[in-house]
C-alpha atoms as a PDB file:
ATOM      1  CA  MET A   1      18.173 -32.608   3.374  1.00  0.00           C
ATOM      2  CA  PRO A   2      15.533 -30.186   5.130  1.00  0.00           C
ATOM      3  CA  ARG A   3      17.014 -26.755   6.339  1.00  0.00           C
ATOM      4  CA  ASN A   4      17.793 -26.413   9.929  1.00  0.00           C
ATOM      5  CA  TYR A   5      16.253 -22.921  10.575  1.00  0.00           C
ATOM      6  CA  LYS A   6      17.121 -22.687  14.085  1.00  0.00           C
ATOM      7  CA  GLN A   7      20.986 -23.259  13.405  1.00  0.00           C
ATOM      8  CA  GLU A   8      20.697 -21.024  10.496  1.00  0.00           C
ATOM      9  CA  TYR A   9      19.220 -18.286  12.783  1.00  0.00           C
ATOM     10  CA  ASP A  10      21.710 -18.828  15.520  1.00  0.00           C
ATOM     11  CA  ARG A  11      24.831 -18.724  13.057  1.00  0.00           C
ATOM     12  CA  TYR A  12      23.604 -15.934  10.757  1.00  0.00           C
ATOM     13  CA  GLN A  13      20.285 -14.136  11.063  1.00  0.00           C
ATOM     14  CA  GLY A  14      20.643 -13.750  14.915  1.00  0.00           C
ATOM     15  CA  THR A  15      24.077 -12.136  14.675  1.00  0.00           C
ATOM     16  CA  PRO A  16      24.435  -8.366  15.702  1.00  0.00           C
ATOM     17  CA  GLU A  17      25.246  -7.554  11.924  1.00  0.00           C
ATOM     18  CA  GLN A  18      22.162  -9.230  10.424  1.00  0.00           C
ATOM     19  CA  ILE A  19      20.057  -7.671  12.979  1.00  0.00           C
ATOM     20  CA  LYS A  20      20.930  -4.327  12.132  1.00  0.00           C
ATOM     21  CA  ASN A  21      20.624  -5.013   8.356  1.00  0.00           C
ATOM     22  CA  ARG A  22      16.967  -6.372   8.991  1.00  0.00           C
ATOM     23  CA  ALA A  23      16.120  -3.074  10.889  1.00  0.00           C
ATOM     24  CA  GLU A  24      17.408  -1.169   8.152  1.00  0.00           C
ATOM     25  CA  ARG A  25      15.464  -3.122   5.587  1.00  0.00           C
ATOM     26  CA  ASN A  26      12.367  -2.681   7.672  1.00  0.00           C
ATOM     27  CA  ALA A  27      12.787   1.001   7.748  1.00  0.00           C
ATOM     28  CA  ALA A  28      13.146   1.307   3.834  1.00  0.00           C
ATOM     29  CA  ARG A  29       9.897  -0.446   3.847  1.00  0.00           C
ATOM     30  CA  ARG A  30       8.122   1.590   6.447  1.00  0.00           C
ATOM     31  CA  GLU A  31       9.389   4.723   4.281  1.00  0.00           C
ATOM     32  CA  LEU A  32       7.824   3.614   1.023  1.00  0.00           C
ATOM     33  CA  MET A  33       4.812   2.698   3.058  1.00  0.00           C
ATOM     34  CA  SER A  34       4.181   6.203   4.347  1.00  0.00           C
ATOM     35  CA  LYS A  35       4.704   7.359   0.475  1.00  0.00           C
ATOM     36  CA  GLY A  36       2.063   4.957  -0.483  1.00  0.00           C
ATOM     37  CA  VAL A  37       4.284   3.132  -2.874  1.00  0.00           C
ATOM     38  CA  VAL A  38       3.810  -0.333  -1.228  1.00  0.00           C
ATOM     39  CA  LYS A  39       1.046  -1.946   1.054  1.00  0.00           C
ATOM     40  CA  VAL A  40       0.860  -4.373   3.655  1.00  0.00           C
ATOM     41  CA  GLY A  41       0.194  -7.971   1.790  1.00  0.00           C
ATOM     42  CA  ASP A  42       0.685  -6.585  -1.589  1.00  0.00           C
ATOM     43  CA  GLY A  43       3.367  -9.250  -2.750  1.00  0.00           C
ATOM     44  CA  LYS A  44       6.076  -6.599  -3.366  1.00  0.00           C
ATOM     45  CA  ASP A  45       9.433  -6.394  -1.752  1.00  0.00           C
ATOM     46  CA  VAL A  46      11.379  -3.173  -1.334  1.00  0.00           C
ATOM     47  CA  ASP A  47      14.803  -3.612  -3.113  1.00  0.00           C
ATOM     48  CA  HIS A  48      18.196  -2.174  -2.572  1.00  0.00           C
ATOM     49  CA  LYS A  49      19.546  -1.164  -5.783  1.00  0.00           C
ATOM     50  CA  ARG A  50      22.911  -1.585  -3.820  1.00  0.00           C
ATOM     51  CA  PRO A  51      22.613  -4.108  -1.255  1.00  0.00           C
ATOM     52  CA  ILE A  52      23.035  -3.112   2.351  1.00  0.00           C
ATOM     53  CA  SER A  53      25.829  -5.854   2.773  1.00  0.00           C
ATOM     54  CA  LYS A  54      27.760  -4.130  -0.046  1.00  0.00           C
ATOM     55  CA  GLY A  55      27.837  -0.609   1.597  1.00  0.00           C
ATOM     56  CA  GLY A  56      24.475   0.735   0.138  1.00  0.00           C
ATOM     57  CA  GLY A  57      21.915   2.404   2.270  1.00  0.00           C
ATOM     58  CA  ASN A  58      18.221   3.543   2.506  1.00  0.00           C
ATOM     59  CA  ALA A  59      18.442   6.835   0.461  1.00  0.00           C
ATOM     60  CA  SER A  60      15.216   7.021  -1.588  1.00  0.00           C
ATOM     61  CA  ASP A  61      17.609   6.831  -4.822  1.00  0.00           C
ATOM     62  CA  ASN A  62      18.704   3.269  -3.618  1.00  0.00           C
ATOM     63  CA  LEU A  63      15.250   1.932  -3.442  1.00  0.00           C
ATOM     64  CA  ARG A  64      13.032   0.264  -5.707  1.00  0.00           C
ATOM     65  CA  VAL A  65       9.895  -1.897  -5.455  1.00  0.00           C
ATOM     66  CA  LEU A  66      10.124  -5.366  -7.121  1.00  0.00           C
ATOM     67  CA  GLY A  67       7.820  -8.614  -7.091  1.00  0.00           C
ATOM     68  CA  LYS A  68       8.973 -10.949  -4.413  1.00  0.00           C
ATOM     69  CA  SER A  69      10.120 -13.513  -6.801  1.00  0.00           C
ATOM     70  CA  ALA A  70      12.310 -11.091  -8.821  1.00  0.00           C
ATOM     71  CA  ASN A  71      14.082  -9.710  -5.600  1.00  0.00           C
ATOM     72  CA  ARG A  72      14.589 -13.204  -3.709  1.00  0.00           C
ATOM     73  CA  SER A  73      15.971 -14.906  -7.147  1.00  0.00           C
ATOM     74  CA  PHE A  74      19.740 -13.606  -7.727  1.00  0.00           C
ATOM     75  CA  PRO A  75      22.718 -15.970  -8.343  1.00  0.00           C
ATOM     76  CA  ARG A  76      24.554 -17.098  -5.359  1.00  0.00           C
ATOM     77  CA  THR A  77      27.920 -18.855  -4.683  1.00  0.00           C
ATOM     78  CA  LYS A  78      28.025 -22.862  -3.884  1.00  0.00           C
ATOM     79  CA  SER A  79      27.919 -21.746  -0.236  1.00  0.00           C
ATOM     80  CA  GLY A  80      24.677 -20.052  -0.839  1.00  0.00           C
ATOM     81  CA  LYS A  81      26.052 -16.308  -0.260  1.00  0.00           C
ATOM     82  CA  MET A  82      24.872 -13.552  -3.037  1.00  0.00           C
ATOM     83  CA  ARG A  83      27.451 -12.878  -5.521  1.00  0.00           C
END
């Protein structure tokens, strides 16, 4: 069954909490870009060791650079939420 991206956005990604989290993730990437650690189009993700959703922040000791496949492949529950 194909994903309904519009419905997914309306129910999850478009919520004020997720918009705030996305802004924090973007700020973390900008911070590491200014330090020269990552570049646009380099295939790397800025990872939060402790996720923002679990109380982590954008402090430099909570950030690391990972390949996209390593950062986006983590265990999920049956409902699709991160464990």
